[in-house]
Amino acid sequence: MTDEELKQKMKNAERLSSKILQMPPVLKERQAISNILSRDPAITGFENCKFVFTDITYGLPDRKRLVVVRDPDGTLRQASWEEAERMNQIYNPRPGRKLKPPKLFQEEHLTNVLERGEYEFVLDSACAQFEPDDPEYLRITSVVYESVDKKRCYQLLHSTRHYGPLCFYLTWNKKIENLLISLLQQEKLEACADIVRLYQLIHTDCKSKMINVDPNQHLELLKAYVEHDSLQQQQLQLAIQAYQEIVRERQQYNENVKTAHGL
């Protein structure tokens, strides 16, 4: 392989990895659709089933595709989210999505899968089956994130596209203490500072944001959060002390090695 071919292969790999690691969007729960177009009582009881009318124009985004329903009582209304998604899946099927959600997402089955630590599989399946503002998607992802946080299994999602939404969820819900302790134990101080900065962006009224701390001073930024905003102050202080002790010991070891070699 020539240098030019190697560079092209590297670019292709970077492009593919960027696509694979693209984070799912974090959205608010969508509002139910209740748009009545007309009421025609004259045709009440004409049929005992619903009629669904779907615009199947090629190339339209699913969200812009018009789907309306005529109810047996004569009401003509815009289809609900669930009805519209079912019609879209029939006419424009998406890979990995089923007409009916798999039993995997039922509570009893979901609990068993999470007990085995298959977090990425559940989250990938949820991304394929649901829209990111679907109440079911939000329920499933929150259950997964809570399980990850409870067991402190952050590493299982660290190199996946779901790590960012996990951090956002924990930060939004003010549950970053266990994550910070885990990162400190791995000596990832800069990652801790990134989490604290995200916390300050989301919770603009937090006390640590009012303190004039250089954002590039990662340890000082973390200490400010621990002192003024943390819900587990003692545990985080111990984790910081342990981190500092490890850093001091490593520095002392390196100095001893240099001295022994006369450097």
Protein backbone atom coordinates (compact mmCIF):
# COMPACT_ATOMS: atom_id res chain seq x y z
CA MET A 1 0.00 0.00 0.00
CA THR A 2 1.43 3.40 -1.01
CA ASP A 3 1.45 6.43 1.30
CA GLU A 4 -1.38 7.97 -0.71
CA GLU A 5 -3.50 4.84 -0.40
CA LEU A 6 -2.79 4.67 3.33
CA LYS A 7 -3.91 8.28 3.79
CA GLN A 8 -7.12 7.56 1.87
CA LYS A 9 -7.80 4.47 3.99
CA MET A 10 -7.26 6.52 7.15
CA LYS A 11 -9.69 9.19 5.93
CA ASN A 12 -12.30 6.55 5.13
CA ALA A 13 -11.85 4.99 8.57
CA GLU A 14 -12.21 8.37 10.27
CA ARG A 15 -15.35 9.13 8.28
CA LEU A 16 -16.88 5.75 9.18
CA SER A 17 -15.97 6.04 12.87
CA SER A 18 -17.46 9.55 12.99
CA LYS A 19 -20.72 8.18 11.60
CA ILE A 20 -20.79 5.19 13.96
CA LEU A 21 -20.00 7.31 17.03
CA GLN A 22 -22.54 10.03 16.25
CA MET A 23 -24.49 10.60 19.47
CA PRO A 24 -28.28 10.19 19.52
CA PRO A 25 -29.95 13.59 20.06
CA VAL A 26 -31.30 14.42 23.51
CA LEU A 27 -34.81 15.90 23.16
CA LYS A 28 -37.76 16.81 25.33
CA GLU A 29 -40.72 14.45 25.39
CA ARG A 30 -43.05 15.22 22.50
CA GLN A 31 -46.56 16.49 23.07
CA ALA A 32 -49.55 14.33 22.15
CA ILE A 33 -51.31 15.22 18.87
CA SER A 34 -54.96 16.25 19.21
CA ASN A 35 -55.67 18.10 15.97
CA ILE A 36 -59.30 17.70 14.89
CA LEU A 37 -59.78 18.56 11.22
CA SER A 38 -63.57 18.13 10.99
CA ARG A 39 -66.55 16.42 12.59
CA ASP A 40 -69.15 14.78 10.34
CA PRO A 41 -71.89 13.25 12.54
CA ALA A 42 -73.89 12.38 9.42
CA ILE A 43 -71.59 9.39 8.74
CA THR A 44 -71.52 8.16 12.34
CA GLY A 45 -71.83 4.37 12.45
CA PHE A 46 -71.31 3.95 8.70
CA GLU A 47 -68.33 1.74 9.53
CA ASN A 48 -67.13 0.20 12.77
CA CYS A 49 -63.41 0.60 11.98
CA LYS A 50 -61.04 3.50 11.38
CA PHE A 51 -59.87 4.63 7.95
CA VAL A 52 -56.28 5.84 7.72
CA PHE A 53 -55.17 8.06 4.82
CA THR A 54 -51.42 8.39 4.25
CA ASP A 55 -49.45 10.67 1.94
CA ILE A 56 -46.96 8.28 0.31
CA THR A 57 -45.11 10.93 -1.72
CA TYR A 58 -41.56 9.73 -2.29
CA GLY A 59 -38.77 11.53 -0.43
CA LEU A 60 -40.82 13.22 2.29
CA PRO A 61 -39.39 13.11 5.83
CA ASP A 62 -41.54 10.97 8.13
CA ARG A 63 -42.30 13.94 10.38
CA LYS A 64 -43.71 15.95 7.45
CA ARG A 65 -45.73 13.14 5.92
CA LEU A 66 -49.46 13.81 6.33
CA VAL A 67 -51.43 10.99 7.96
CA VAL A 68 -55.10 11.48 8.88
CA VAL A 69 -57.66 9.17 10.47
CA ARG A 70 -61.42 8.98 10.04
CA ASP A 71 -62.96 7.58 13.23
CA PRO A 72 -66.24 5.60 13.28
CA ASP A 73 -68.01 8.60 14.89
CA GLY A 74 -67.27 10.72 11.81
CA THR A 75 -64.33 12.66 13.27
CA LEU A 76 -61.49 13.41 10.87
CA ARG A 77 -58.28 14.08 12.78
CA GLN A 78 -54.53 14.10 12.41
CA ALA A 79 -53.06 10.71 13.27
CA SER A 80 -51.44 10.21 16.65
CA TRP A 81 -47.67 9.74 16.83
CA GLU A 82 -48.11 5.99 17.18
CA GLU A 83 -50.49 5.73 14.22
CA ALA A 84 -48.28 7.89 12.00
CA GLU A 85 -45.16 5.89 12.87
CA ARG A 86 -46.96 2.64 12.11
CA MET A 87 -48.01 3.92 8.68
CA ASN A 88 -44.52 5.22 7.95
CA GLN A 89 -43.04 1.86 8.86
CA ILE A 90 -45.45 0.12 6.48
CA TYR A 91 -44.77 2.37 3.48
CA ASN A 92 -41.18 3.42 4.26
CA PRO A 93 -39.74 0.75 6.55
CA ARG A 94 -36.61 1.59 8.53
CA PRO A 95 -33.97 -1.07 9.13
CA GLY A 96 -34.17 -2.56 12.60
CA ARG A 97 -37.60 -1.10 13.40
CA LYS A 98 -40.60 -3.35 14.00
CA LEU A 99 -44.31 -2.58 13.67
CA LYS A 100 -44.72 -3.64 17.28
CA PRO A 101 -41.99 -2.87 19.86
CA PRO A 102 -40.01 -6.01 20.79
CA LYS A 103 -40.66 -7.64 24.16
CA LEU A 104 -37.12 -6.64 25.08
CA PHE A 105 -38.48 -3.27 26.19
CA GLN A 106 -41.04 -4.74 28.57
CA GLU A 107 -40.01 -4.21 32.18
CA GLU A 108 -39.47 -7.85 33.13
CA HIS A 109 -37.33 -8.60 30.05
CA LEU A 110 -35.48 -5.29 30.21
CA THR A 111 -34.46 -5.97 33.81
CA ASN A 112 -32.97 -9.34 32.87
CA VAL A 113 -30.97 -7.89 29.97
CA LEU A 114 -29.61 -5.07 32.13
CA GLU A 115 -28.59 -7.53 34.81
CA ARG A 116 -26.30 -9.09 32.19
CA GLY A 117 -24.77 -5.68 31.47
CA GLU A 118 -25.92 -5.50 27.84
CA TYR A 119 -26.42 -1.74 27.98
CA GLU A 120 -25.16 -0.88 24.52
CA PHE A 121 -27.40 -3.53 22.91
CA VAL A 122 -30.49 -2.11 24.64
CA LEU A 123 -29.64 1.48 23.71
CA ASP A 124 -28.89 0.59 20.08
CA SER A 125 -32.19 -1.29 19.89
CA ALA A 126 -34.06 1.66 21.40
CA CYS A 127 -32.49 4.03 18.84
CA ALA A 128 -33.63 1.76 16.01
CA GLN A 129 -37.17 1.27 17.33
CA PHE A 130 -38.13 4.72 18.66
CA GLU A 131 -37.76 8.40 17.87
CA PRO A 132 -35.58 10.31 20.36
CA ASP A 133 -38.56 12.30 21.72
CA ASP A 134 -40.78 9.22 22.11
CA PRO A 135 -41.86 8.73 25.76
CA GLU A 136 -40.90 5.05 25.51
CA TYR A 137 -37.41 5.92 24.29
CA LEU A 138 -36.94 8.35 27.15
CA ARG A 139 -38.22 5.77 29.65
CA ILE A 140 -35.94 3.01 28.38
CA THR A 141 -32.81 5.17 28.19
CA SER A 142 -33.38 6.56 31.68
CA VAL A 143 -33.71 3.02 33.07
CA VAL A 144 -30.46 2.03 31.35
CA TYR A 145 -28.58 5.11 32.55
CA GLU A 146 -29.80 4.60 36.11
CA SER A 147 -28.61 0.99 36.00
CA VAL A 148 -25.19 2.03 34.65
CA ASP A 149 -24.84 4.67 37.36
CA LYS A 150 -25.96 2.32 40.12
CA LYS A 151 -23.39 -0.32 39.12
CA ARG A 152 -20.78 2.26 38.05
CA CYS A 153 -20.29 0.46 34.74
CA TYR A 154 -19.44 3.63 32.82
CA GLN A 155 -16.60 1.94 30.94
CA LEU A 156 -19.08 -0.29 29.10
CA LEU A 157 -20.41 2.81 27.31
CA HIS A 158 -17.28 4.96 27.30
CA SER A 159 -16.21 4.27 23.71
CA THR A 160 -19.74 4.18 22.30
CA ARG A 161 -22.06 6.84 20.93
CA HIS A 162 -24.16 6.58 24.09
CA TYR A 163 -21.55 7.91 26.51
CA GLY A 164 -22.37 11.56 25.76
CA PRO A 165 -26.13 11.17 26.40
CA LEU A 166 -25.31 9.20 29.58
CA CYS A 167 -23.18 12.09 30.87
CA PHE A 168 -25.88 14.59 29.89
CA TYR A 169 -28.58 12.57 31.67
CA LEU A 170 -26.56 12.30 34.89
CA THR A 171 -25.64 15.98 34.76
CA TRP A 172 -29.21 17.09 34.06
CA ASN A 173 -30.44 15.07 37.05
CA LYS A 174 -27.56 16.18 39.33
CA LYS A 175 -26.17 12.66 39.69
CA ILE A 176 -22.56 13.10 38.56
CA GLU A 177 -20.82 12.19 41.82
CA ASN A 178 -20.28 8.49 41.08
CA LEU A 179 -19.12 9.32 37.56
CA LEU A 180 -16.61 11.87 38.88
CA ILE A 181 -15.24 9.38 41.41
CA SER A 182 -14.88 6.74 38.69
CA LEU A 183 -13.02 9.19 36.42
CA LEU A 184 -10.72 10.25 39.25
CA GLN A 185 -9.88 6.63 39.97
CA GLN A 186 -8.84 6.33 36.31
CA GLU A 187 -6.83 9.57 36.67
CA LYS A 188 -8.96 11.34 34.05
CA LEU A 189 -8.94 14.78 35.65
CA GLU A 190 -9.65 16.63 32.40
CA ALA A 191 -12.77 14.52 31.85
CA CYS A 192 -13.91 15.43 35.38
CA ALA A 193 -13.48 19.11 34.54
CA ASP A 194 -15.52 18.63 31.35
CA ILE A 195 -18.37 17.16 33.39
CA VAL A 196 -18.25 20.05 35.85
CA ARG A 197 -18.29 22.58 32.99
CA LEU A 198 -21.33 20.81 31.52
CA TYR A 199 -22.99 20.93 34.96
CA GLN A 200 -22.42 24.68 35.12
CA LEU A 201 -23.82 25.18 31.62
CA ILE A 202 -27.01 23.28 32.45
CA HIS A 203 -27.51 24.49 36.03
CA THR A 204 -26.74 28.15 35.54
CA ASP A 205 -27.67 29.00 39.15
CA CYS A 206 -25.13 26.64 40.72
CA LYS A 207 -22.84 28.18 43.34
CA SER A 208 -19.57 26.94 41.83
CA LYS A 209 -20.25 28.96 38.67
CA MET A 210 -20.25 32.17 40.69
CA ILE A 211 -16.69 31.55 41.85
CA ASN A 212 -13.92 32.97 39.69
CA VAL A 213 -12.00 29.78 38.81
CA ASP A 214 -9.85 29.42 35.71
CA PRO A 215 -11.59 26.77 33.53
CA ASN A 216 -8.17 25.46 32.53
CA GLN A 217 -7.31 24.70 36.17
CA HIS A 218 -9.05 21.34 36.16
CA LEU A 219 -8.37 20.38 39.77
CA GLU A 220 -9.45 23.77 41.14
CA LEU A 221 -12.62 23.65 39.04
CA LEU A 222 -13.45 20.22 40.44
CA LYS A 223 -12.72 21.33 44.00
CA ALA A 224 -15.03 24.32 43.59
CA TYR A 225 -17.85 22.01 42.52
CA VAL A 226 -17.20 19.62 45.41
CA GLU A 227 -17.17 22.42 47.97
CA HIS A 228 -20.27 24.29 46.80
CA ASP A 229 -22.55 21.97 44.78
CA SER A 230 -21.74 18.32 45.44
CA LEU A 231 -24.31 16.04 47.04
CA GLN A 232 -21.57 13.62 48.16
CA GLN A 233 -18.91 16.05 49.32
CA GLN A 234 -17.02 13.69 51.64
CA GLN A 235 -16.69 10.85 49.11
CA LEU A 236 -15.44 13.20 46.39
CA GLN A 237 -12.95 14.85 48.71
CA LEU A 238 -11.51 11.43 49.56
CA ALA A 239 -11.31 10.58 45.84
CA ILE A 240 -9.47 13.85 45.13
CA GLN A 241 -7.03 13.19 47.97
CA ALA A 242 -6.35 9.68 46.65
CA TYR A 243 -5.79 11.10 43.14
CA GLN A 244 -3.35 13.73 44.42
CA GLU A 245 -1.45 11.10 46.41
CA ILE A 246 -1.07 8.91 43.32
CA VAL A 247 0.22 11.88 41.31
CA ARG A 248 2.73 12.79 44.04
CA GLU A 249 3.97 9.21 44.32
CA ARG A 250 4.44 8.98 40.55
CA GLN A 251 6.33 12.25 40.44
CA GLN A 252 8.56 11.12 43.32
CA TYR A 253 9.20 7.80 41.58
CA ASN A 254 10.17 9.55 38.33
CA GLU A 255 12.52 11.88 40.21
CA ASN A 256 14.15 8.91 41.98
CA VAL A 257 14.65 7.15 38.65
CA LYS A 258 16.26 10.25 37.14
CA THR A 259 18.53 10.62 40.19
CA ALA A 260 19.57 6.96 40.02
CA HIS A 261 20.56 7.41 36.38
CA GLY A 262 22.37 10.64 37.10
CA LEU A 263 19.96 12.78 35.08
